[in-house]
Amino acid sequence: MTTPQEQNFEDYKKAEAKAMELLAEMKAVSPKKVDIELALITAVFELHKGLLPAATVGKIVQGHLETLVPFYEQQPSPPSDN
């Protein structure tokens, strides 16, 4: 039997896997990274639209970045392909 924390992580990993699928599809639609970046951030705002003020959504995004940046700083960086 899984704990609530384990279930939350499993749910997150399912959502993350779907996001990676969507990212692959988006790359096929537009080679411009900025288009994909803006579309993904817009999706976060749309997720909360009508429920939270935009400034609060921005703070949510910032909080997630504060968690993710240190994780990705520890990962080996491939050569940039801007």
C-alpha atoms as a PDB file:
ATOM      1  CA  MET A   1       0.000   0.000   0.000  1.00  0.00           C
ATOM      2  CA  THR A   2       1.343   3.409  -0.934  1.00  0.00           C
ATOM      3  CA  THR A   3       1.529   6.366   1.402  1.00  0.00           C
ATOM      4  CA  PRO A   4      -0.163   9.642   0.432  1.00  0.00           C
ATOM      5  CA  GLN A   5       3.288  11.107  -0.275  1.00  0.00           C
ATOM      6  CA  GLU A   6       4.166   8.191  -2.554  1.00  0.00           C
ATOM      7  CA  GLN A   7       0.810   8.519  -4.340  1.00  0.00           C
ATOM      8  CA  ASN A   8       1.392  12.248  -4.838  1.00  0.00           C
ATOM      9  CA  PHE A   9       4.799  11.506  -6.362  1.00  0.00           C
ATOM     10  CA  GLU A  10       3.329   8.821  -8.636  1.00  0.00           C
ATOM     11  CA  ASP A  11       0.634  11.280  -9.778  1.00  0.00           C
ATOM     12  CA  TYR A  12       3.304  13.918 -10.420  1.00  0.00           C
ATOM     13  CA  LYS A  13       5.418  11.475 -12.464  1.00  0.00           C
ATOM     14  CA  LYS A  14       2.382  10.642 -14.635  1.00  0.00           C
ATOM     15  CA  ALA A  15       1.754  14.352 -15.238  1.00  0.00           C
ATOM     16  CA  GLU A  16       5.450  14.917 -15.923  1.00  0.00           C
ATOM     17  CA  ALA A  17       5.514  12.088 -18.477  1.00  0.00           C
ATOM     18  CA  LYS A  18       2.522  13.612 -20.271  1.00  0.00           C
ATOM     19  CA  ALA A  19       4.212  17.021 -20.235  1.00  0.00           C
ATOM     20  CA  MET A  20       7.281  15.482 -21.902  1.00  0.00           C
ATOM     21  CA  GLU A  21       5.018  13.985 -24.587  1.00  0.00           C
ATOM     22  CA  LEU A  22       3.430  17.393 -25.160  1.00  0.00           C
ATOM     23  CA  LEU A  23       6.859  19.012 -25.321  1.00  0.00           C
ATOM     24  CA  ALA A  24       7.899  16.608 -28.073  1.00  0.00           C
ATOM     25  CA  GLU A  25       4.727  17.468 -29.989  1.00  0.00           C
ATOM     26  CA  MET A  26       5.341  21.186 -29.498  1.00  0.00           C
ATOM     27  CA  LYS A  27       8.898  20.871 -30.834  1.00  0.00           C
ATOM     28  CA  ALA A  28       7.414  19.356 -33.992  1.00  0.00           C
ATOM     29  CA  VAL A  29       5.102  22.370 -34.364  1.00  0.00           C
ATOM     30  CA  SER A  30       7.622  25.167 -33.744  1.00  0.00           C
ATOM     31  CA  PRO A  31      11.405  25.119 -33.746  1.00  0.00           C
ATOM     32  CA  LYS A  32      11.436  28.386 -31.756  1.00  0.00           C
ATOM     33  CA  LYS A  33      12.083  27.659 -28.093  1.00  0.00           C
ATOM     34  CA  VAL A  34      10.630  31.012 -27.045  1.00  0.00           C
ATOM     35  CA  ASP A  35       7.264  30.043 -28.597  1.00  0.00           C
ATOM     36  CA  ILE A  36       7.229  26.800 -26.619  1.00  0.00           C
ATOM     37  CA  GLU A  37       8.362  28.494 -23.402  1.00  0.00           C
ATOM     38  CA  LEU A  38       5.653  31.141 -23.582  1.00  0.00           C
ATOM     39  CA  ALA A  39       2.995  28.575 -24.467  1.00  0.00           C
ATOM     40  CA  LEU A  40       3.920  26.408 -21.475  1.00  0.00           C
ATOM     41  CA  ILE A  41       3.878  29.364 -19.079  1.00  0.00           C
ATOM     42  CA  THR A  42       0.566  30.506 -20.567  1.00  0.00           C
ATOM     43  CA  ALA A  43      -0.822  27.034 -19.846  1.00  0.00           C
ATOM     44  CA  VAL A  44       0.008  27.504 -16.154  1.00  0.00           C
ATOM     45  CA  PHE A  45      -1.900  30.792 -16.095  1.00  0.00           C
ATOM     46  CA  GLU A  46      -4.817  29.155 -17.942  1.00  0.00           C
ATOM     47  CA  LEU A  47      -4.821  26.311 -15.398  1.00  0.00           C
ATOM     48  CA  HIS A  48      -5.573  28.843 -12.654  1.00  0.00           C
ATOM     49  CA  LYS A  49      -7.656  31.293 -14.726  1.00  0.00           C
ATOM     50  CA  GLY A  50     -10.742  32.462 -12.853  1.00  0.00           C
ATOM     51  CA  LEU A  51      -9.503  30.887  -9.631  1.00  0.00           C
ATOM     52  CA  LEU A  52      -6.445  32.936  -8.697  1.00  0.00           C
ATOM     53  CA  PRO A  53      -5.170  36.429  -9.534  1.00  0.00           C
ATOM     54  CA  ALA A  54      -2.389  36.549 -12.137  1.00  0.00           C
ATOM     55  CA  ALA A  55       0.088  37.875  -9.557  1.00  0.00           C
ATOM     56  CA  THR A  56      -0.552  34.816  -7.379  1.00  0.00           C
ATOM     57  CA  VAL A  57      -0.003  32.504 -10.349  1.00  0.00           C
ATOM     58  CA  GLY A  58       3.268  34.327 -11.025  1.00  0.00           C
ATOM     59  CA  LYS A  59       4.328  33.656  -7.435  1.00  0.00           C
ATOM     60  CA  ILE A  60       3.435  29.986  -7.856  1.00  0.00           C
ATOM     61  CA  VAL A  61       5.627  29.808 -10.972  1.00  0.00           C
ATOM     62  CA  GLN A  62       8.452  31.586  -9.126  1.00  0.00           C
ATOM     63  CA  GLY A  63       8.160  29.121  -6.238  1.00  0.00           C
ATOM     64  CA  HIS A  64       8.402  26.187  -8.621  1.00  0.00           C
ATOM     65  CA  LEU A  65      11.474  27.748 -10.236  1.00  0.00           C
ATOM     66  CA  GLU A  66      13.119  28.085  -6.836  1.00  0.00           C
ATOM     67  CA  THR A  67      12.670  24.326  -6.428  1.00  0.00           C
ATOM     68  CA  LEU A  68      13.639  23.295  -9.962  1.00  0.00           C
ATOM     69  CA  VAL A  69      16.672  25.510 -10.599  1.00  0.00           C
ATOM     70  CA  PRO A  70      18.834  23.908  -7.873  1.00  0.00           C
ATOM     71  CA  PHE A  71      17.824  20.442  -9.131  1.00  0.00           C
ATOM     72  CA  TYR A  72      18.817  21.243 -12.711  1.00  0.00           C
ATOM     73  CA  GLU A  73      22.016  23.009 -11.625  1.00  0.00           C
ATOM     74  CA  GLN A  74      23.178  19.631 -10.299  1.00  0.00           C
ATOM     75  CA  GLN A  75      22.532  17.929 -13.647  1.00  0.00           C
ATOM     76  CA  PRO A  76      25.275  17.755 -16.286  1.00  0.00           C
ATOM     77  CA  SER A  77      24.690  20.446 -18.894  1.00  0.00           C
ATOM     78  CA  PRO A  78      24.794  19.454 -22.567  1.00  0.00           C
ATOM     79  CA  PRO A  79      26.188  21.999 -25.039  1.00  0.00           C
ATOM     80  CA  SER A  80      23.734  24.837 -25.664  1.00  0.00           C
ATOM     81  CA  ASP A  81      21.718  24.739 -28.884  1.00  0.00           C
ATOM     82  CA  ASN A  82      19.901  28.062 -28.567  1.00  0.00           C
END
